Amino acid sequence: MAWEKRRKCSYYYRTIRQGGRFKRLYYGAGPIGNLAAQVDALRMAECRAEQEARRAARAQLESASALTDTLHWNCEMLAAATLLLAGFHRASRHSWRTWRHGRRITKECI
């Protein structure tokens, strides 16, 4: 999509991809060329607006995801603290299980 200047006139061409190859369509120098240029400019503006809307939606989603991750981490810490006080432990990231003398030890610490 470009105006090319040859000799004294400018001509409008549109480049399209067809079957993996590029093809140039000629629109001319007159009102048809101007109209094609305006249509292409409008199409590009619409594409930019859609891209901007997608970027805004993605940023909002990433913000919500970060908040959710923070909430998940905080809930994990609260659950771990509660289970430790209840006399459980988690050896080498395995599932939670009771200590043999866990309740007695935690009562002595408190």
PDB file of N, CA and C in Angstrom:
ATOM      1  N   MET A   1       0.839  -1.154   0.000  1.00  0.00           N
ATOM      2  CA  MET A   1       0.000   0.000   0.000  1.00  0.00           C
ATOM      3  C   MET A   1       0.894   1.229   0.000  1.00  0.00           C
ATOM      4  N   ALA A   2       1.139   1.729  -1.183  1.00  0.00           N
ATOM      5  CA  ALA A   2       2.052   2.859  -1.265  1.00  0.00           C
ATOM      6  C   ALA A   2       1.812   3.654  -2.538  1.00  0.00           C
ATOM      7  N   TRP A   3       2.130   4.916  -2.419  1.00  0.00           N
ATOM      8  CA  TRP A   3       2.144   5.775  -3.592  1.00  0.00           C
ATOM      9  C   TRP A   3       3.559   5.716  -4.144  1.00  0.00           C
ATOM     10  N   GLU A   4       3.679   5.471  -5.414  1.00  0.00           N
ATOM     11  CA  GLU A   4       4.984   5.471  -6.062  1.00  0.00           C
ATOM     12  C   GLU A   4       5.037   6.619  -7.041  1.00  0.00           C
ATOM     13  N   LYS A   5       6.135   7.330  -6.958  1.00  0.00           N
ATOM     14  CA  LYS A   5       6.282   8.469  -7.854  1.00  0.00           C
ATOM     15  C   LYS A   5       7.150   8.056  -9.035  1.00  0.00           C
ATOM     16  N   ARG A   6       6.590   8.196 -10.224  1.00  0.00           N
ATOM     17  CA  ARG A   6       7.324   7.913 -11.457  1.00  0.00           C
ATOM     18  C   ARG A   6       7.161   9.114 -12.369  1.00  0.00           C
ATOM     19  N   ARG A   7       8.279   9.592 -12.822  1.00  0.00           N
ATOM     20  CA  ARG A   7       8.312  10.816 -13.625  1.00  0.00           C
ATOM     21  C   ARG A   7       7.650  11.944 -12.831  1.00  0.00           C
ATOM     22  N   LYS A   8       6.522  12.454 -13.314  1.00  0.00           N
ATOM     23  CA  LYS A   8       5.895  13.589 -12.642  1.00  0.00           C
ATOM     24  C   LYS A   8       4.644  13.197 -11.858  1.00  0.00           C
ATOM     25  N   CYS A   9       4.146  11.970 -12.014  1.00  0.00           N
ATOM     26  CA  CYS A   9       2.895  11.532 -11.389  1.00  0.00           C
ATOM     27  C   CYS A   9       3.159  10.516 -10.283  1.00  0.00           C
ATOM     28  N   SER A  10       2.210  10.468  -9.345  1.00  0.00           N
ATOM     29  CA  SER A  10       2.228   9.436  -8.305  1.00  0.00           C
ATOM     30  C   SER A  10       1.133   8.423  -8.617  1.00  0.00           C
ATOM     31  N   TYR A  11       1.463   7.152  -8.431  1.00  0.00           N
ATOM     32  CA  TYR A  11       0.531   6.062  -8.706  1.00  0.00           C
ATOM     33  C   TYR A  11       0.366   5.241  -7.433  1.00  0.00           C
ATOM     34  N   TYR A  12      -0.849   4.756  -7.213  1.00  0.00           N
ATOM     35  CA  TYR A  12      -1.119   3.975  -6.013  1.00  0.00           C
ATOM     36  C   TYR A  12      -1.114   2.492  -6.334  1.00  0.00           C
ATOM     37  N   TYR A  13      -0.369   1.723  -5.515  1.00  0.00           N
ATOM     38  CA  TYR A  13      -0.285   0.271  -5.631  1.00  0.00           C
ATOM     39  C   TYR A  13      -0.665  -0.351  -4.295  1.00  0.00           C
ATOM     40  N   ARG A  14      -1.309  -1.493  -4.340  1.00  0.00           N
ATOM     41  CA  ARG A  14      -1.603  -2.272  -3.147  1.00  0.00           C
ATOM     42  C   ARG A  14      -0.915  -3.622  -3.316  1.00  0.00           C
ATOM     43  N   THR A  15      -0.182  -4.045  -2.284  1.00  0.00           N
ATOM     44  CA  THR A  15       0.516  -5.328  -2.322  1.00  0.00           C
ATOM     45  C   THR A  15      -0.296  -6.344  -1.526  1.00  0.00           C
ATOM     46  N   ILE A  16      -0.560  -7.493  -2.131  1.00  0.00           N
ATOM     47  CA  ILE A  16      -1.285  -8.569  -1.457  1.00  0.00           C
ATOM     48  C   ILE A  16      -0.482  -9.845  -1.566  1.00  0.00           C
ATOM     49  N   ARG A  17      -0.771 -10.788  -0.669  1.00  0.00           N
ATOM     50  CA  ARG A  17      -0.102 -12.084  -0.700  1.00  0.00           C
ATOM     51  C   ARG A  17      -1.075 -13.095  -1.299  1.00  0.00           C
ATOM     52  N   GLN A  18      -0.599 -13.833  -2.278  1.00  0.00           N
ATOM     53  CA  GLN A  18      -1.406 -14.852  -2.931  1.00  0.00           C
ATOM     54  C   GLN A  18      -0.585 -16.120  -3.052  1.00  0.00           C
ATOM     55  N   GLY A  19      -0.984 -17.137  -2.299  1.00  0.00           N
ATOM     56  CA  GLY A  19      -0.292 -18.423  -2.380  1.00  0.00           C
ATOM     57  C   GLY A  19       1.167 -18.356  -1.987  1.00  0.00           C
ATOM     58  N   GLY A  20       1.516 -17.544  -0.993  1.00  0.00           N
ATOM     59  CA  GLY A  20       2.898 -17.448  -0.551  1.00  0.00           C
ATOM     60  C   GLY A  20       3.732 -16.471  -1.357  1.00  0.00           C
ATOM     61  N   ARG A  21       3.173 -15.883  -2.390  1.00  0.00           N
ATOM     62  CA  ARG A  21       3.887 -14.899  -3.206  1.00  0.00           C
ATOM     63  C   ARG A  21       3.186 -13.552  -3.074  1.00  0.00           C
ATOM     64  N   PHE A  22       3.916 -12.510  -3.341  1.00  0.00           N
ATOM     65  CA  PHE A  22       3.360 -11.172  -3.268  1.00  0.00           C
ATOM     66  C   PHE A  22       2.976 -10.702  -4.661  1.00  0.00           C
ATOM     67  N   LYS A  23       1.836 -10.025  -4.704  1.00  0.00           N
ATOM     68  CA  LYS A  23       1.333  -9.521  -5.979  1.00  0.00           C
ATOM     69  C   LYS A  23       0.956  -8.063  -5.785  1.00  0.00           C
ATOM     70  N   ARG A  24       1.286  -7.219  -6.745  1.00  0.00           N
ATOM     71  CA  ARG A  24       0.989  -5.797  -6.655  1.00  0.00           C
ATOM     72  C   ARG A  24      -0.196  -5.464  -7.551  1.00  0.00           C
ATOM     73  N   LEU A  25      -1.171  -4.803  -6.958  1.00  0.00           N
ATOM     74  CA  LEU A  25      -2.348  -4.369  -7.708  1.00  0.00           C
ATOM     75  C   LEU A  25      -2.221  -2.881  -7.987  1.00  0.00           C
ATOM     76  N   TYR A  26      -2.459  -2.503  -9.213  1.00  0.00           N
ATOM     77  CA  TYR A  26      -2.325  -1.114  -9.639  1.00  0.00           C
ATOM     78  C   TYR A  26      -3.687  -0.437  -9.593  1.00  0.00           C
ATOM     79  N   TYR A  27      -3.749   0.756  -8.977  1.00  0.00           N
ATOM     80  CA  TYR A  27      -5.001   1.501  -8.894  1.00  0.00           C
ATOM     81  C   TYR A  27      -4.958   2.830  -9.637  1.00  0.00           C
ATOM     82  N   GLY A  28      -3.820   3.307  -9.957  1.00  0.00           N
ATOM     83  CA  GLY A  28      -3.726   4.515 -10.774  1.00  0.00           C
ATOM     84  C   GLY A  28      -3.420   5.765  -9.982  1.00  0.00           C
ATOM     85  N   ALA A  29      -3.485   6.887 -10.720  1.00  0.00           N
ATOM     86  CA  ALA A  29      -3.112   8.166 -10.136  1.00  0.00           C
ATOM     87  C   ALA A  29      -4.312   9.053  -9.866  1.00  0.00           C
ATOM     88  N   GLY A  30      -5.442   8.740 -10.404  1.00  0.00           N
ATOM     89  CA  GLY A  30      -6.609   9.608 -10.310  1.00  0.00           C
ATOM     90  C   GLY A  30      -7.463   9.341  -9.088  1.00  0.00           C
ATOM     91  N   PRO A  31      -8.761   9.586  -9.232  1.00  0.00           N
ATOM     92  CA  PRO A  31      -9.682   9.429  -8.105  1.00  0.00           C
ATOM     93  C   PRO A  31      -9.787   7.985  -7.606  1.00  0.00           C
ATOM     94  N   ILE A  32      -9.600   7.015  -8.472  1.00  0.00           N
ATOM     95  CA  ILE A  32      -9.641   5.612  -8.040  1.00  0.00           C
ATOM     96  C   ILE A  32      -8.460   5.319  -7.121  1.00  0.00           C
ATOM     97  N   GLY A  33      -7.302   5.836  -7.454  1.00  0.00           N
ATOM     98  CA  GLY A  33      -6.122   5.663  -6.599  1.00  0.00           C
ATOM     99  C   GLY A  33      -6.316   6.334  -5.251  1.00  0.00           C
ATOM    100  N   ASN A  34      -6.878   7.548  -5.249  1.00  0.00           N
ATOM    101  CA  ASN A  34      -7.150   8.244  -3.982  1.00  0.00           C
ATOM    102  C   ASN A  34      -8.156   7.483  -3.140  1.00  0.00           C
ATOM    103  N   LEU A  35      -9.203   6.974  -3.773  1.00  0.00           N
ATOM    104  CA  LEU A  35     -10.222   6.215  -3.053  1.00  0.00           C
ATOM    105  C   LEU A  35      -9.634   4.933  -2.454  1.00  0.00           C
ATOM    106  N   ALA A  36      -8.817   4.214  -3.218  1.00  0.00           N
ATOM    107  CA  ALA A  36      -8.172   2.993  -2.713  1.00  0.00           C
ATOM    108  C   ALA A  36      -7.253   3.318  -1.535  1.00  0.00           C
ATOM    109  N   ALA A  37      -6.541   4.452  -1.627  1.00  0.00           N
ATOM    110  CA  ALA A  37      -5.654   4.851  -0.527  1.00  0.00           C
ATOM    111  C   ALA A  37      -6.459   5.162   0.724  1.00  0.00           C
ATOM    112  N   GLN A  38      -7.609   5.828   0.577  1.00  0.00           N
ATOM    113  CA  GLN A  38      -8.447   6.148   1.725  1.00  0.00           C
ATOM    114  C   GLN A  38      -9.044   4.880   2.345  1.00  0.00           C
ATOM    115  N   VAL A  39      -9.462   3.949   1.500  1.00  0.00           N
ATOM    116  CA  VAL A  39     -10.000   2.681   2.007  1.00  0.00           C
ATOM    117  C   VAL A  39      -8.931   1.927   2.788  1.00  0.00           C
ATOM    118  N   ASP A  40      -7.713   1.897   2.244  1.00  0.00           N
ATOM    119  CA  ASP A  40      -6.626   1.206   2.938  1.00  0.00           C
ATOM    120  C   ASP A  40      -6.283   1.893   4.261  1.00  0.00           C
ATOM    121  N   ALA A  41      -6.304   3.223   4.274  1.00  0.00           N
ATOM    122  CA  ALA A  41      -6.014   3.960   5.508  1.00  0.00           C
ATOM    123  C   ALA A  41      -7.080   3.665   6.560  1.00  0.00           C
ATOM    124  N   LEU A  42      -8.341   3.610   6.140  1.00  0.00           N
ATOM    125  CA  LEU A  42      -9.426   3.292   7.068  1.00  0.00           C
ATOM    126  C   LEU A  42      -9.289   1.871   7.606  1.00  0.00           C
ATOM    127  N   ARG A  43      -8.942   0.936   6.742  1.00  0.00           N
ATOM    128  CA  ARG A  43      -8.757  -0.454   7.158  1.00  0.00           C
ATOM    129  C   ARG A  43      -7.602  -0.574   8.153  1.00  0.00           C
ATOM    130  N   MET A  44      -6.525   0.146   7.900  1.00  0.00           N
ATOM    131  CA  MET A  44      -5.378   0.107   8.818  1.00  0.00           C
ATOM    132  C   MET A  44      -5.742   0.721  10.171  1.00  0.00           C
ATOM    133  N   ALA A  45      -6.537   1.802  10.162  1.00  0.00           N
ATOM    134  CA  ALA A  45      -6.963   2.420  11.419  1.00  0.00           C
ATOM    135  C   ALA A  45      -7.837   1.459  12.221  1.00  0.00           C
ATOM    136  N   GLU A  46      -8.718   0.723  11.547  1.00  0.00           N
ATOM    137  CA  GLU A  46      -9.554  -0.265  12.231  1.00  0.00           C
ATOM    138  C   GLU A  46      -8.700  -1.379  12.824  1.00  0.00           C
ATOM    139  N   CYS A  47      -7.699  -1.828  12.086  1.00  0.00           N
ATOM    140  CA  CYS A  47      -6.797  -2.877  12.599  1.00  0.00           C
ATOM    141  C   CYS A  47      -6.045  -2.393  13.828  1.00  0.00           C
ATOM    142  N   ARG A  48      -5.568  -1.141  13.778  1.00  0.00           N
ATOM    143  CA  ARG A  48      -4.860  -0.587  14.928  1.00  0.00           C
ATOM    144  C   ARG A  48      -5.775  -0.499  16.148  1.00  0.00           C
ATOM    145  N   ALA A  49      -7.026  -0.089  15.936  1.00  0.00           N
ATOM    146  CA  ALA A  49      -7.979   0.006  17.048  1.00  0.00           C
ATOM    147  C   ALA A  49      -8.250  -1.375  17.651  1.00  0.00           C
ATOM    148  N   GLU A  50      -8.385  -2.399  16.806  1.00  0.00           N
ATOM    149  CA  GLU A  50      -8.594  -3.762  17.305  1.00  0.00           C
ATOM    150  C   GLU A  50      -7.382  -4.254  18.088  1.00  0.00           C
ATOM    151  N   GLN A  51      -6.186  -3.960  17.581  1.00  0.00           N
ATOM    152  CA  GLN A  51      -4.971  -4.361  18.279  1.00  0.00           C
ATOM    153  C   GLN A  51      -4.883  -3.680  19.640  1.00  0.00           C
ATOM    154  N   GLU A  52      -5.226  -2.404  19.681  1.00  0.00           N
ATOM    155  CA  GLU A  52      -5.177  -1.665  20.939  1.00  0.00           C
ATOM    156  C   GLU A  52      -6.190  -2.233  21.938  1.00  0.00           C
ATOM    157  N   ALA A  53      -7.370  -2.599  21.445  1.00  0.00           N
ATOM    158  CA  ALA A  53      -8.384  -3.200  22.324  1.00  0.00           C
ATOM    159  C   ALA A  53      -7.898  -4.552  22.855  1.00  0.00           C
ATOM    160  N   ARG A  54      -7.249  -5.345  22.001  1.00  0.00           N
ATOM    161  CA  ARG A  54      -6.707  -6.637  22.444  1.00  0.00           C
ATOM    162  C   ARG A  54      -5.611  -6.438  23.483  1.00  0.00           C
ATOM    163  N   ARG A  55      -4.751  -5.430  23.260  1.00  0.00           N
ATOM    164  CA  ARG A  55      -3.689  -5.153  24.236  1.00  0.00           C
ATOM    165  C   ARG A  55      -4.271  -4.746  25.586  1.00  0.00           C
ATOM    166  N   ALA A  56      -5.307  -3.910  25.562  1.00  0.00           N
ATOM    167  CA  ALA A  56      -5.932  -3.471  26.812  1.00  0.00           C
ATOM    168  C   ALA A  56      -6.571  -4.653  27.534  1.00  0.00           C
ATOM    169  N   ALA A  57      -7.244  -5.521  26.789  1.00  0.00           N
ATOM    170  CA  ALA A  57      -7.862  -6.699  27.400  1.00  0.00           C
ATOM    171  C   ALA A  57      -6.799  -7.631  27.980  1.00  0.00           C
ATOM    172  N   ARG A  58      -5.695  -7.792  27.257  1.00  0.00           N
ATOM    173  CA  ARG A  58      -4.611  -8.655  27.746  1.00  0.00           C
ATOM    174  C   ARG A  58      -3.997  -8.075  29.019  1.00  0.00           C
ATOM    175  N   ALA A  59      -3.805  -6.749  29.061  1.00  0.00           N
ATOM    176  CA  ALA A  59      -3.240  -6.122  30.257  1.00  0.00           C
ATOM    177  C   ALA A  59      -4.176  -6.294  31.443  1.00  0.00           C
ATOM    178  N   GLN A  60      -5.476  -6.157  31.214  1.00  0.00           N
ATOM    179  CA  GLN A  60      -6.450  -6.340  32.286  1.00  0.00           C
ATOM    180  C   GLN A  60      -6.439  -7.787  32.783  1.00  0.00           C
ATOM    181  N   LEU A  61      -6.337  -8.725  31.863  1.00  0.00           N
ATOM    182  CA  LEU A  61      -6.291 -10.141  32.239  1.00  0.00           C
ATOM    183  C   LEU A  61      -5.023 -10.460  33.024  1.00  0.00           C
ATOM    184  N   GLU A  62      -3.888  -9.903  32.617  1.00  0.00           N
ATOM    185  CA  GLU A  62      -2.646 -10.143  33.336  1.00  0.00           C
ATOM    186  C   GLU A  62      -2.696  -9.542  34.737  1.00  0.00           C
ATOM    187  N   SER A  63      -3.334  -8.384  34.866  1.00  0.00           N
ATOM    188  CA  SER A  63      -3.485  -7.766  36.182  1.00  0.00           C
ATOM    189  C   SER A  63      -4.339  -8.645  37.087  1.00  0.00           C
ATOM    190  N   ALA A  64      -5.449  -9.147  36.562  1.00  0.00           N
ATOM    191  CA  ALA A  64      -6.316 -10.030  37.348  1.00  0.00           C
ATOM    192  C   ALA A  64      -5.594 -11.325  37.699  1.00  0.00           C
ATOM    193  N   SER A  65      -4.802 -11.836  36.780  1.00  0.00           N
ATOM    194  CA  SER A  65      -4.056 -13.063  37.029  1.00  0.00           C
ATOM    195  C   SER A  65      -3.021 -12.855  38.137  1.00  0.00           C
ATOM    196  N   ALA A  66      -2.366 -11.708  38.144  1.00  0.00           N
ATOM    197  CA  ALA A  66      -1.383 -11.416  39.185  1.00  0.00           C
ATOM    198  C   ALA A  66      -2.056 -11.328  40.556  1.00  0.00           C
ATOM    199  N   LEU A  67      -3.231 -10.699  40.606  1.00  0.00           N
ATOM    200  CA  LEU A  67      -3.958 -10.626  41.873  1.00  0.00           C
ATOM    201  C   LEU A  67      -4.385 -12.012  42.348  1.00  0.00           C
ATOM    202  N   THR A  68      -4.824 -12.843  41.418  1.00  0.00           N
ATOM    203  CA  THR A  68      -5.228 -14.200  41.764  1.00  0.00           C
ATOM    204  C   THR A  68      -4.046 -15.014  42.271  1.00  0.00           C
ATOM    205  N   ASP A  69      -2.891 -14.861  41.637  1.00  0.00           N
ATOM    206  CA  ASP A  69      -1.694 -15.567  42.101  1.00  0.00           C
ATOM    207  C   ASP A  69      -1.309 -15.139  43.517  1.00  0.00           C
ATOM    208  N   THR A  70      -1.405 -13.843  43.793  1.00  0.00           N
ATOM    209  CA  THR A  70      -1.091 -13.342  45.128  1.00  0.00           C
ATOM    210  C   THR A  70      -2.067 -13.906  46.161  1.00  0.00           C
ATOM    211  N   LEU A  71      -3.349 -13.913  45.818  1.00  0.00           N
ATOM    212  CA  LEU A  71      -4.357 -14.473  46.722  1.00  0.00           C
ATOM    213  C   LEU A  71      -4.109 -15.955  46.969  1.00  0.00           C
ATOM    214  N   HIS A  72      -3.762 -16.695  45.920  1.00  0.00           N
ATOM    215  CA  HIS A  72      -3.481 -18.134  46.059  1.00  0.00           C
ATOM    216  C   HIS A  72      -2.295 -18.361  46.984  1.00  0.00           C
ATOM    217  N   TRP A  73      -1.237 -17.587  46.815  1.00  0.00           N
ATOM    218  CA  TRP A  73      -0.045 -17.743  47.645  1.00  0.00           C
ATOM    219  C   TRP A  73      -0.377 -17.445  49.098  1.00  0.00           C
ATOM    220  N   ASN A  74      -1.144 -16.365  49.330  1.00  0.00           N
ATOM    221  CA  ASN A  74      -1.517 -16.013  50.709  1.00  0.00           C
ATOM    222  C   ASN A  74      -2.386 -17.091  51.343  1.00  0.00           C
ATOM    223  N   CYS A  75      -3.310 -17.661  50.594  1.00  0.00           N
ATOM    224  CA  CYS A  75      -4.152 -18.743  51.120  1.00  0.00           C
ATOM    225  C   CYS A  75      -3.316 -19.975  51.440  1.00  0.00           C
ATOM    226  N   GLU A  76      -2.339 -20.286  50.603  1.00  0.00           N
ATOM    227  CA  GLU A  76      -1.440 -21.416  50.871  1.00  0.00           C
ATOM    228  C   GLU A  76      -0.680 -21.205  52.176  1.00  0.00           C
ATOM    229  N   MET A  77      -0.190 -19.986  52.400  1.00  0.00           N
ATOM    230  CA  MET A  77       0.552 -19.694  53.627  1.00  0.00           C
ATOM    231  C   MET A  77      -0.353 -19.791  54.850  1.00  0.00           C
ATOM    232  N   LEU A  78      -1.584 -19.301  54.747  1.00  0.00           N
ATOM    233  CA  LEU A  78      -2.528 -19.382  55.853  1.00  0.00           C
ATOM    234  C   LEU A  78      -2.876 -20.840  56.167  1.00  0.00           C
ATOM    235  N   ALA A  79      -3.097 -21.637  55.129  1.00  0.00           N
ATOM    236  CA  ALA A  79      -3.407 -23.054  55.344  1.00  0.00           C
ATOM    237  C   ALA A  79      -2.216 -23.786  55.961  1.00  0.00           C
ATOM    238  N   ALA A  80      -1.003 -23.461  55.509  1.00  0.00           N
ATOM    239  CA  ALA A  80       0.188 -24.103  56.060  1.00  0.00           C
ATOM    240  C   ALA A  80       0.370 -23.746  57.526  1.00  0.00           C
ATOM    241  N   ALA A  81       0.159 -22.481  57.867  1.00  0.00           N
ATOM    242  CA  ALA A  81       0.303 -22.068  59.263  1.00  0.00           C
ATOM    243  C   ALA A  81      -0.741 -22.750  60.146  1.00  0.00           C
ATOM    244  N   THR A  82      -1.956 -22.850  59.646  1.00  0.00           N
ATOM    245  CA  THR A  82      -3.021 -23.503  60.407  1.00  0.00           C
ATOM    246  C   THR A  82      -2.708 -24.982  60.621  1.00  0.00           C
ATOM    247  N   LEU A  83      -2.247 -25.653  59.579  1.00  0.00           N
ATOM    248  CA  LEU A  83      -1.922 -27.074  59.713  1.00  0.00           C
ATOM    249  C   LEU A  83      -0.730 -27.304  60.632  1.00  0.00           C
ATOM    250  N   LEU A  84       0.265 -26.414  60.598  1.00  0.00           N
ATOM    251  CA  LEU A  84       1.402 -26.547  61.509  1.00  0.00           C
ATOM    252  C   LEU A  84       0.953 -26.405  62.958  1.00  0.00           C
ATOM    253  N   LEU A  85       0.075 -25.433  63.214  1.00  0.00           N
ATOM    254  CA  LEU A  85      -0.423 -25.267  64.583  1.00  0.00           C
ATOM    255  C   LEU A  85      -1.295 -26.439  65.012  1.00  0.00           C
ATOM    256  N   ALA A  86      -1.916 -27.112  64.070  1.00  0.00           N
ATOM    257  CA  ALA A  86      -2.761 -28.252  64.402  1.00  0.00           C
ATOM    258  C   ALA A  86      -1.953 -29.531  64.599  1.00  0.00           C
ATOM    259  N   GLY A  87      -0.650 -29.472  64.360  1.00  0.00           N
ATOM    260  CA  GLY A  87       0.184 -30.635  64.618  1.00  0.00           C
ATOM    261  C   GLY A  87       0.527 -31.441  63.383  1.00  0.00           C
ATOM    262  N   PHE A  88       0.456 -30.847  62.218  1.00  0.00           N
ATOM    263  CA  PHE A  88       0.810 -31.536  60.979  1.00  0.00           C
ATOM    264  C   PHE A  88       2.140 -30.997  60.470  1.00  0.00           C
ATOM    265  N   HIS A  89       2.778 -31.770  59.605  1.00  0.00           N
ATOM    266  CA  HIS A  89       3.979 -31.281  58.925  1.00  0.00           C
ATOM    267  C   HIS A  89       3.977 -31.784  57.490  1.00  0.00           C
ATOM    268  N   ARG A  90       4.870 -31.231  56.714  1.00  0.00           N
ATOM    269  CA  ARG A  90       4.935 -31.571  55.287  1.00  0.00           C
ATOM    270  C   ARG A  90       6.395 -31.814  54.934  1.00  0.00           C
ATOM    271  N   ALA A  91       6.792 -33.056  54.939  1.00  0.00           N
ATOM    272  CA  ALA A  91       8.188 -33.400  54.696  1.00  0.00           C
ATOM    273  C   ALA A  91       8.464 -33.450  53.190  1.00  0.00           C
ATOM    274  N   SER A  92       9.449 -32.733  52.762  1.00  0.00           N
ATOM    275  CA  SER A  92       9.899 -32.740  51.359  1.00  0.00           C
ATOM    276  C   SER A  92       8.761 -32.502  50.369  1.00  0.00           C
ATOM    277  N   ARG A  93       7.877 -31.591  50.682  1.00  0.00           N
ATOM    278  CA  ARG A  93       6.765 -31.203  49.812  1.00  0.00           C
ATOM    279  C   ARG A  93       5.777 -32.337  49.529  1.00  0.00           C
ATOM    280  N   HIS A  94       5.754 -33.348  50.381  1.00  0.00           N
ATOM    281  CA  HIS A  94       4.750 -34.392  50.260  1.00  0.00           C
ATOM    282  C   HIS A  94       3.456 -33.893  50.888  1.00  0.00           C
ATOM    283  N   SER A  95       2.484 -34.759  50.967  1.00  0.00           N
ATOM    284  CA  SER A  95       1.206 -34.348  51.556  1.00  0.00           C
ATOM    285  C   SER A  95       1.363 -34.117  53.059  1.00  0.00           C
ATOM    286  N   TRP A  96       0.421 -33.366  53.599  1.00  0.00           N
ATOM    287  CA  TRP A  96       0.447 -33.054  55.018  1.00  0.00           C
ATOM    288  C   TRP A  96       0.140 -34.318  55.827  1.00  0.00           C
ATOM    289  N   ARG A  97       0.889 -34.520  56.932  1.00  0.00           N
ATOM    290  CA  ARG A  97       0.623 -35.657  57.820  1.00  0.00           C
ATOM    291  C   ARG A  97       0.962 -35.241  59.252  1.00  0.00           C
ATOM    292  N   THR A  98       0.476 -36.013  60.182  1.00  0.00           N
ATOM    293  CA  THR A  98       0.649 -35.630  61.587  1.00  0.00           C
ATOM    294  C   THR A  98       2.044 -35.997  62.070  1.00  0.00           C
ATOM    295  N   TRP A  99       2.514 -35.176  62.990  1.00  0.00           N
ATOM    296  CA  TRP A  99       3.727 -35.526  63.710  1.00  0.00           C
ATOM    297  C   TRP A  99       3.342 -36.491  64.821  1.00  0.00           C
ATOM    298  N   ARG A 100       4.290 -37.284  65.238  1.00  0.00           N
ATOM    299  CA  ARG A 100       3.972 -38.205  66.325  1.00  0.00           C
ATOM    300  C   ARG A 100       3.635 -37.444  67.606  1.00  0.00           C
ATOM    301  N   HIS A 101       4.443 -36.458  67.890  1.00  0.00           N
ATOM    302  CA  HIS A 101       4.225 -35.682  69.120  1.00  0.00           C
ATOM    303  C   HIS A 101       3.960 -34.222  68.770  1.00  0.00           C
ATOM    304  N   GLY A 102       3.328 -34.020  67.653  1.00  0.00           N
ATOM    305  CA  GLY A 102       3.152 -32.657  67.145  1.00  0.00           C
ATOM    306  C   GLY A 102       2.284 -31.778  68.004  1.00  0.00           C
ATOM    307  N   ARG A 103       1.153 -32.294  68.464  1.00  0.00           N
ATOM    308  CA  ARG A 103       0.258 -31.462  69.258  1.00  0.00           C
ATOM    309  C   ARG A 103       0.917 -31.075  70.589  1.00  0.00           C
ATOM    310  N   ARG A 104       1.628 -31.989  71.160  1.00  0.00           N
ATOM    311  CA  ARG A 104       2.284 -31.692  72.433  1.00  0.00           C
ATOM    312  C   ARG A 104       3.379 -30.651  72.241  1.00  0.00           C
ATOM    313  N   ILE A 105       4.155 -30.766  71.145  1.00  0.00           N
ATOM    314  CA  ILE A 105       5.236 -29.818  70.881  1.00  0.00           C
ATOM    315  C   ILE A 105       4.685 -28.417  70.624  1.00  0.00           C
ATOM    316  N   THR A 106       3.643 -28.327  69.805  1.00  0.00           N
ATOM    317  CA  THR A 106       3.105 -27.008  69.502  1.00  0.00           C
ATOM    318  C   THR A 106       2.452 -26.375  70.718  1.00  0.00           C
ATOM    319  N   LYS A 107       1.863 -27.167  71.612  1.00  0.00           N
ATOM    320  CA  LYS A 107       1.249 -26.614  72.825  1.00  0.00           C
ATOM    321  C   LYS A 107       2.335 -26.073  73.749  1.00  0.00           C
ATOM    322  N   GLU A 108       3.508 -26.719  73.764  1.00  0.00           N
ATOM    323  CA  GLU A 108       4.607 -26.245  74.595  1.00  0.00           C
ATOM    324  C   GLU A 108       5.187 -24.948  74.062  1.00  0.00           C
ATOM    325  N   CYS A 109       5.162 -24.765  72.727  1.00  0.00           N
ATOM    326  CA  CYS A 109       5.720 -23.559  72.113  1.00  0.00           C
ATOM    327  C   CYS A 109       4.805 -22.363  72.325  1.00  0.00           C
ATOM    328  N   ILE A 110       3.530 -22.629  72.456  1.00  0.00           N
ATOM    329  CA  ILE A 110       2.566 -21.523  72.588  1.00  0.00           C
ATOM    330  C   ILE A 110       2.487 -21.174  74.030  1.00  0.00           C
TER     331      ILE A 110
END
